[in-house]
């Protein structure tokens, strides 16, 4: 990955500013023309696909910009900063596959940023409702090891300016906010769950802080929202997957990413059949990235502990994102799948045991 020199133009904030002149300066090449089209729903930011006629570039680029509402941008500064930090500073030190970034910059004002990424076509966004095919999920899990392994228990990640490092106080706040949100989910969408699943979710609501504060002896960089919707996958199954949307980057127990991913991104029957072999492949990849003194048994136990990631963290996406029928369907699927995995492995007992 290479970035244009520091004398390149500042970040831009709107699609109208994506001009041939700006792109030429940003990418250090000649762009003769550019045309943009919106991509996605823009719940957190604005995404456009740019069709370009330029030297040494693919015909399309993917550009991420801040929320169209300037009043919302300062509130989202942290997530924008995380993604710029990932591409500019962290991604070169890792082995995780992600879209190739050509330009990444924060603006002068809070909540201003611009990312220019190579278009990953023919890869497409994973389907959270349908879930991923088993072998695609396996590839994504092995890719996840490329995020965790290279900086496993690396104390320098705790010193990175701008990277979220949740404290005990932060996790106590997570408990204070998350518990009521889970109860609100039960009030609104609880009829989509079985009685046993509702009881499990109510119990999770009391364990959030304890869970979040646990197992601090093992840490690495976490994606923290590693699930099907944030994967770029090949429908034919031939090309390797990419992980995207690095706006929730934090430090923490790596098993949280793995548990959140498999618990939510595979259909339940597929997960039950394949999870042991996928966790083993993830562990094997960790070892290949230099992780030592971490057994497969420990990895499995951290995976089970991490199954709470989806209900604990996902509930904030449900509560604070733009509500829609598809969104409610998606979160109901996420929660149900994860609750079934939690029940399958008695994960709440693992959390209580520490």
Protein backbone atom coordinates (compact mmCIF):
# COMPACT_ATOMS: atom_id res chain seq x y z
CA UNK A 1 0.00 0.00 0.00
CA UNK A 2 1.29 3.44 -0.87
CA UNK A 3 -0.07 6.87 -0.09
CA UNK A 4 0.42 10.09 -1.91
CA UNK A 5 2.92 12.45 -0.35
CA UNK A 6 1.99 14.78 2.47
CA UNK A 7 1.63 17.68 0.03
CA UNK A 8 -1.52 16.12 -1.40
CA UNK A 9 -4.84 17.93 -0.99
CA UNK A 10 -6.86 17.96 2.23
CA UNK A 11 -9.74 15.63 2.95
CA UNK A 12 -13.03 16.34 1.23
CA UNK A 13 -16.51 15.79 2.62
CA UNK A 14 -19.03 15.64 -0.24
CA UNK A 15 -19.40 13.73 -3.53
CA UNK A 16 -19.43 17.02 -5.42
CA UNK A 17 -15.81 17.56 -4.36
CA UNK A 18 -14.71 14.32 -6.03
CA UNK A 19 -13.34 15.96 -9.14
CA UNK A 20 -10.69 14.94 -11.64
CA UNK A 21 -8.44 17.69 -10.33
CA UNK A 22 -8.79 16.61 -6.68
CA UNK A 23 -8.27 12.93 -7.47
CA UNK A 24 -5.24 13.71 -9.61
CA UNK A 25 -3.61 15.55 -6.73
CA UNK A 26 -4.68 12.99 -4.15
CA UNK A 27 -3.38 9.99 -6.07
CA UNK A 28 -0.41 11.59 -7.77
CA UNK A 29 -1.46 10.69 -11.29
CA UNK A 30 -3.46 12.13 -14.17
CA UNK A 31 -7.24 11.76 -13.98
CA UNK A 32 -8.98 13.01 -17.12
CA UNK A 33 -12.57 12.52 -15.97
CA UNK A 34 -14.54 11.15 -13.03
CA UNK A 35 -18.20 10.31 -12.46
CA UNK A 36 -19.64 9.24 -9.09
CA UNK A 37 -22.67 7.23 -8.03
CA UNK A 38 -23.93 6.60 -4.48
CA UNK A 39 -23.38 3.21 -2.85
CA UNK A 40 -25.28 1.90 0.17
CA UNK A 41 -27.59 3.69 2.56
CA UNK A 42 -25.10 6.04 4.22
CA UNK A 43 -26.16 5.42 7.83
CA UNK A 44 -22.79 6.43 9.27
CA UNK A 45 -21.13 8.08 6.31
CA UNK A 46 -21.43 8.57 2.57
CA UNK A 47 -20.00 6.10 0.07
CA UNK A 48 -19.64 6.59 -3.67
CA UNK A 49 -18.22 4.57 -6.52
CA UNK A 50 -16.08 6.73 -8.79
CA UNK A 51 -15.79 5.82 -12.48
CA UNK A 52 -12.47 7.23 -13.56
CA UNK A 53 -10.45 7.70 -16.71
CA UNK A 54 -6.91 7.97 -15.42
CA UNK A 55 -3.36 6.76 -15.82
CA UNK A 56 -2.35 3.63 -13.93
CA UNK A 57 -5.68 3.20 -12.15
CA UNK A 58 -8.56 0.73 -12.31
CA UNK A 59 -11.72 2.00 -13.96
CA UNK A 60 -13.60 2.29 -10.65
CA UNK A 61 -12.66 3.42 -7.15
CA UNK A 62 -14.59 3.32 -3.87
CA UNK A 63 -14.63 6.56 -1.87
CA UNK A 64 -15.79 6.93 1.74
CA UNK A 65 -16.82 10.36 3.02
CA UNK A 66 -18.39 11.66 6.25
CA UNK A 67 -22.05 11.89 7.11
CA UNK A 68 -23.89 14.33 4.81
CA UNK A 69 -25.17 16.18 7.89
CA UNK A 70 -22.34 18.42 9.13
CA UNK A 71 -23.96 18.51 12.56
CA UNK A 72 -23.52 14.74 12.91
CA UNK A 73 -19.90 14.61 11.86
CA UNK A 74 -18.25 15.56 15.18
CA UNK A 75 -20.25 12.81 16.90
CA UNK A 76 -18.78 10.28 14.47
CA UNK A 77 -15.21 11.53 14.59
CA UNK A 78 -14.01 8.54 16.60
CA UNK A 79 -15.17 5.94 14.08
CA UNK A 80 -13.76 7.93 11.15
CA UNK A 81 -10.45 8.33 12.97
CA UNK A 82 -10.28 4.57 13.60
CA UNK A 83 -10.63 3.71 9.92
CA UNK A 84 -8.05 6.25 8.80
CA UNK A 85 -5.72 4.99 11.54
CA UNK A 86 -6.15 1.42 10.34
CA UNK A 87 -5.23 2.16 6.73
CA UNK A 88 -2.48 4.71 7.36
CA UNK A 89 -0.65 3.13 10.30
CA UNK A 90 -1.89 -0.29 11.34
CA UNK A 91 -2.67 -2.26 8.18
CA UNK A 92 0.98 -2.28 7.02
CA UNK A 93 1.96 -4.04 10.29
CA UNK A 94 -0.67 -6.79 9.89
CA UNK A 95 -1.43 -9.73 7.60
CA UNK A 96 -5.19 -9.27 7.32
CA UNK A 97 -6.59 -8.86 3.80
CA UNK A 98 -8.46 -5.59 3.36
CA UNK A 99 -9.33 -3.35 0.41
CA UNK A 100 -6.26 -1.58 -0.96
CA UNK A 101 -6.23 2.01 0.19
CA UNK A 102 -4.84 4.77 -2.03
CA UNK A 103 -5.64 7.82 0.08
CA UNK A 104 -6.60 8.17 3.75
CA UNK A 105 -6.83 11.46 5.58
CA UNK A 106 -8.64 13.22 8.38
CA UNK A 107 -9.82 16.76 7.74
CA UNK A 108 -9.07 19.92 9.67
CA UNK A 109 -12.42 19.79 11.47
CA UNK A 110 -13.68 16.94 13.67
CA UNK A 111 -15.67 14.46 11.63
CA UNK A 112 -14.04 15.22 8.29
CA UNK A 113 -12.25 12.39 6.52
CA UNK A 114 -11.71 10.84 3.10
CA UNK A 115 -10.76 7.31 2.07
CA UNK A 116 -10.06 6.28 -1.51
CA UNK A 117 -10.04 2.50 -1.93
CA UNK A 118 -9.65 0.26 -4.92
CA UNK A 119 -13.00 -1.19 -5.93
CA UNK A 120 -13.03 -4.83 -4.80
CA UNK A 121 -15.34 -6.09 -7.59
CA UNK A 122 -16.15 -8.89 -8.33
CA UNK A 123 -16.24 -9.34 -4.55
CA UNK A 124 -19.59 -8.40 -3.00
CA UNK A 125 -20.82 -7.67 0.49
CA UNK A 126 -21.67 -10.75 2.55
CA UNK A 127 -25.36 -11.41 3.20
CA UNK A 128 -26.00 -11.20 6.93
CA UNK A 129 -29.54 -12.53 6.68
CA UNK A 130 -28.63 -15.61 4.66
CA UNK A 131 -25.33 -16.18 6.42
CA UNK A 132 -22.05 -17.14 4.78
CA UNK A 133 -21.27 -20.48 3.15
CA UNK A 134 -19.12 -22.59 5.45
CA UNK A 135 -15.97 -22.44 3.33
CA UNK A 136 -16.31 -18.68 2.89
CA UNK A 137 -16.64 -18.32 6.65
CA UNK A 138 -13.56 -20.47 7.10
CA UNK A 139 -11.58 -18.20 4.78
CA UNK A 140 -12.79 -15.13 6.69
CA UNK A 141 -11.78 -16.68 10.03
CA UNK A 142 -8.29 -17.49 8.74
CA UNK A 143 -8.07 -13.91 7.49
CA UNK A 144 -9.09 -12.73 10.96
CA UNK A 145 -6.01 -14.45 12.35
CA UNK A 146 -4.01 -12.08 10.14
CA UNK A 147 -5.45 -9.20 12.18
CA UNK A 148 -4.89 -10.79 15.59
CA UNK A 149 -1.68 -12.76 15.20
CA UNK A 150 0.99 -10.26 14.11
CA UNK A 151 0.44 -8.00 17.15
CA UNK A 152 -0.76 -10.60 19.65
CA UNK A 153 -0.17 -9.30 23.19
CA UNK A 154 2.03 -6.56 21.72
CA UNK A 155 2.25 -3.87 24.42
CA UNK A 156 2.84 -1.18 21.81
CA UNK A 157 -0.77 -1.46 20.59
CA UNK A 158 -1.81 -0.11 24.00
CA UNK A 159 0.14 3.07 23.28
CA UNK A 160 -1.24 3.88 19.81
CA UNK A 161 -2.67 7.38 19.79
CA UNK A 162 -6.29 7.38 18.67
CA UNK A 163 -6.92 3.66 19.19
CA UNK A 164 -9.76 2.86 21.59
CA UNK A 165 -8.64 0.98 24.73
CA UNK A 166 -11.75 0.38 26.85
CA UNK A 167 -11.13 0.87 30.58
CA UNK A 168 -12.95 -0.64 33.53
CA UNK A 169 -14.95 2.58 33.74
CA UNK A 170 -15.82 2.34 30.04
CA UNK A 171 -17.03 -1.21 30.52
CA UNK A 172 -19.08 -0.19 33.54
CA UNK A 173 -20.75 2.38 31.28
CA UNK A 174 -21.26 -0.38 28.71
CA UNK A 175 -23.14 -2.29 31.39
CA UNK A 176 -25.24 0.73 32.33
CA UNK A 177 -26.23 1.37 28.71
CA UNK A 178 -26.29 -2.12 27.28
CA UNK A 179 -28.47 -3.79 29.88
CA UNK A 180 -31.46 -1.50 29.27
CA UNK A 181 -30.95 -1.74 25.49
CA UNK A 182 -31.18 -5.53 25.63
CA UNK A 183 -34.36 -5.21 27.64
CA UNK A 184 -35.69 -2.75 25.05
CA UNK A 185 -34.90 -5.27 22.32
CA UNK A 186 -36.89 -7.88 24.25
CA UNK A 187 -39.83 -5.48 24.55
CA UNK A 188 -39.89 -4.72 20.82
CA UNK A 189 -38.65 -7.90 19.13
CA UNK A 190 -38.77 -10.50 21.87
CA UNK A 191 -41.67 -12.25 20.18
CA UNK A 192 -39.15 -13.43 17.56
CA UNK A 193 -37.25 -15.38 20.24
CA UNK A 194 -38.15 -18.53 22.14
CA UNK A 195 -38.81 -18.32 25.86
CA UNK A 196 -35.39 -19.87 26.55
CA UNK A 197 -33.69 -17.36 24.27
CA UNK A 198 -35.46 -14.47 26.00
CA UNK A 199 -34.29 -15.76 29.38
CA UNK A 200 -30.72 -16.04 28.11
CA UNK A 201 -30.78 -12.50 26.76
CA UNK A 202 -32.08 -11.18 30.07
CA UNK A 203 -29.24 -12.96 31.85
CA UNK A 204 -26.67 -11.52 29.46
CA UNK A 205 -27.98 -8.05 30.33
CA UNK A 206 -26.67 -8.54 33.88
CA UNK A 207 -23.24 -9.86 32.82
CA UNK A 208 -22.11 -7.24 30.30
CA UNK A 209 -19.59 -5.43 32.52
CA UNK A 210 -18.17 -8.64 33.94
CA UNK A 211 -17.76 -10.09 30.48
CA UNK A 212 -16.18 -6.95 29.01
CA UNK A 213 -13.68 -6.67 31.88
CA UNK A 214 -12.64 -10.32 31.69
CA UNK A 215 -9.57 -12.05 30.24
CA UNK A 216 -7.45 -8.94 29.83
CA UNK A 217 -4.25 -11.03 29.88
CA UNK A 218 -4.73 -11.79 26.16
CA UNK A 219 -5.24 -8.91 23.79
CA UNK A 220 -4.72 -7.74 20.26
CA UNK A 221 -6.33 -5.43 17.75
CA UNK A 222 -10.04 -6.21 17.34
CA UNK A 223 -12.26 -5.37 14.42
CA UNK A 224 -15.16 -5.55 16.95
CA UNK A 225 -17.85 -5.81 14.23
CA UNK A 226 -16.45 -8.74 12.26
CA UNK A 227 -19.53 -10.27 10.61
CA UNK A 228 -20.93 -11.17 7.22
CA UNK A 229 -22.07 -7.65 6.32
CA UNK A 230 -18.51 -6.41 6.80
CA UNK A 231 -16.93 -9.04 4.58
CA UNK A 232 -16.32 -8.73 0.85
CA UNK A 233 -16.66 -12.21 -0.61
CA UNK A 234 -16.57 -13.93 -3.99
CA UNK A 235 -19.97 -15.49 -4.86
CA UNK A 236 -18.11 -18.14 -6.85
CA UNK A 237 -15.91 -19.01 -3.88
CA UNK A 238 -12.71 -18.75 -5.91
CA UNK A 239 -11.22 -15.47 -4.68
CA UNK A 240 -10.16 -14.81 -1.08
CA UNK A 241 -12.33 -12.59 1.08
CA UNK A 242 -11.50 -9.10 2.33
CA UNK A 243 -12.45 -7.53 5.66
CA UNK A 244 -13.76 -3.98 5.52
CA UNK A 245 -15.37 -1.23 7.64
CA UNK A 246 -12.66 -0.66 10.23
CA UNK A 247 -14.56 2.02 12.13
CA UNK A 248 -14.97 0.01 15.35
CA UNK A 249 -11.30 -0.87 15.85
CA UNK A 250 -10.34 -1.43 19.51
CA UNK A 251 -8.05 -3.58 21.63
CA UNK A 252 -9.34 -6.61 23.51
CA UNK A 253 -9.65 -10.38 23.72
CA UNK A 254 -9.24 -11.80 20.19
CA UNK A 255 -11.80 -14.53 20.87
CA UNK A 256 -14.47 -11.84 20.89
CA UNK A 257 -14.01 -11.24 17.16
CA UNK A 258 -14.05 -14.96 16.42
CA UNK A 259 -17.06 -15.73 18.61
CA UNK A 260 -18.99 -12.76 17.31
CA UNK A 261 -18.24 -13.76 13.74
CA UNK A 262 -19.10 -17.46 13.77
CA UNK A 263 -22.00 -17.06 16.18
CA UNK A 264 -23.72 -14.53 13.95
CA UNK A 265 -22.54 -15.15 10.39
CA UNK A 266 -23.30 -18.84 9.89
CA UNK A 267 -26.69 -20.51 9.82
CA UNK A 268 -27.06 -22.45 13.05
CA UNK A 269 -26.80 -25.92 11.50
CA UNK A 270 -23.74 -24.88 9.50
CA UNK A 271 -22.10 -23.41 12.59
CA UNK A 272 -22.73 -26.54 14.64
CA UNK A 273 -21.22 -28.73 11.95
CA UNK A 274 -18.19 -26.63 11.09
CA UNK A 275 -17.22 -24.45 14.06
CA UNK A 276 -14.69 -26.83 15.60
CA UNK A 277 -12.74 -27.21 12.36
CA UNK A 278 -12.96 -23.47 11.62
CA UNK A 279 -11.64 -22.57 15.08
CA UNK A 280 -8.82 -25.10 14.56
CA UNK A 281 -7.95 -23.49 11.22
CA UNK A 282 -8.00 -20.02 12.82
CA UNK A 283 -5.69 -21.29 15.58
CA UNK A 284 -3.36 -22.86 13.06
CA UNK A 285 -3.16 -19.53 11.24
CA UNK A 286 -2.39 -17.73 14.53
CA UNK A 287 0.53 -20.06 15.10
CA UNK A 288 1.68 -19.35 11.56
CA UNK A 289 1.71 -15.64 12.45
CA UNK A 290 4.00 -16.29 15.40
CA UNK A 291 1.58 -16.74 18.31
CA UNK A 292 3.09 -19.04 20.95
CA UNK A 293 1.98 -20.55 24.27
CA UNK A 294 -1.67 -20.49 23.22
CA UNK A 295 -3.20 -23.92 22.83
CA UNK A 296 -6.13 -24.93 20.68
CA UNK A 297 -8.02 -25.66 23.91
CA UNK A 298 -7.44 -22.09 25.12
CA UNK A 299 -8.47 -20.79 21.71
CA UNK A 300 -11.71 -22.76 21.84
CA UNK A 301 -12.46 -21.51 25.35
CA UNK A 302 -11.87 -17.89 24.27
CA UNK A 303 -14.14 -18.50 21.28
CA UNK A 304 -16.94 -19.67 23.56
CA UNK A 305 -16.34 -16.68 25.86
CA UNK A 306 -16.46 -14.41 22.81
CA UNK A 307 -19.89 -15.63 21.71
CA UNK A 308 -21.41 -12.83 23.78
CA UNK A 309 -19.88 -10.25 21.43
CA UNK A 310 -22.92 -10.08 19.16
CA UNK A 311 -25.65 -9.49 21.75
CA UNK A 312 -23.47 -7.15 23.84
CA UNK A 313 -22.08 -4.98 21.03
CA UNK A 314 -24.64 -5.59 18.29
CA UNK A 315 -27.45 -4.23 20.40
CA UNK A 316 -25.99 -0.74 20.07
CA UNK A 317 -26.20 -0.97 16.29
CA UNK A 318 -29.85 -1.96 16.58
CA UNK A 319 -30.67 0.82 19.02
CA UNK A 320 -28.76 3.72 17.49
CA UNK A 321 -28.72 2.87 13.77
CA UNK A 322 -31.43 3.86 11.34
CA UNK A 323 -34.32 1.52 12.10
CA UNK A 324 -35.91 -0.38 9.20
CA UNK A 325 -37.79 -3.66 8.70
CA UNK A 326 -34.69 -5.23 7.15
CA UNK A 327 -32.57 -3.91 9.99
CA UNK A 328 -34.88 -5.43 12.58
CA UNK A 329 -34.86 -8.72 10.67
CA UNK A 330 -31.08 -8.66 10.50
CA UNK A 331 -30.59 -7.97 14.20
CA UNK A 332 -33.18 -10.56 15.16
CA UNK A 333 -31.21 -13.10 13.06
CA UNK A 334 -27.94 -12.00 14.63
CA UNK A 335 -29.27 -12.26 18.15
CA UNK A 336 -31.05 -15.59 17.62
CA UNK A 337 -28.02 -17.23 16.03
CA UNK A 338 -25.69 -16.02 18.75
CA UNK A 339 -28.09 -17.06 21.52
CA UNK A 340 -28.27 -20.56 20.08
CA UNK A 341 -24.48 -20.74 20.03
CA UNK A 342 -24.33 -19.45 23.60
CA UNK A 343 -26.79 -22.13 24.69
CA UNK A 344 -24.99 -24.86 22.75
CA UNK A 345 -21.77 -24.20 24.67
CA UNK A 346 -23.16 -22.93 28.00
CA UNK A 347 -21.16 -19.77 27.36
CA UNK A 348 -22.72 -17.92 30.30
CA UNK A 349 -21.13 -20.41 32.69
CA UNK A 350 -17.78 -19.79 30.99
CA UNK A 351 -18.20 -16.04 31.53
CA UNK A 352 -19.13 -16.51 35.18
CA UNK A 353 -16.07 -18.70 35.68
CA UNK A 354 -13.87 -15.89 34.38
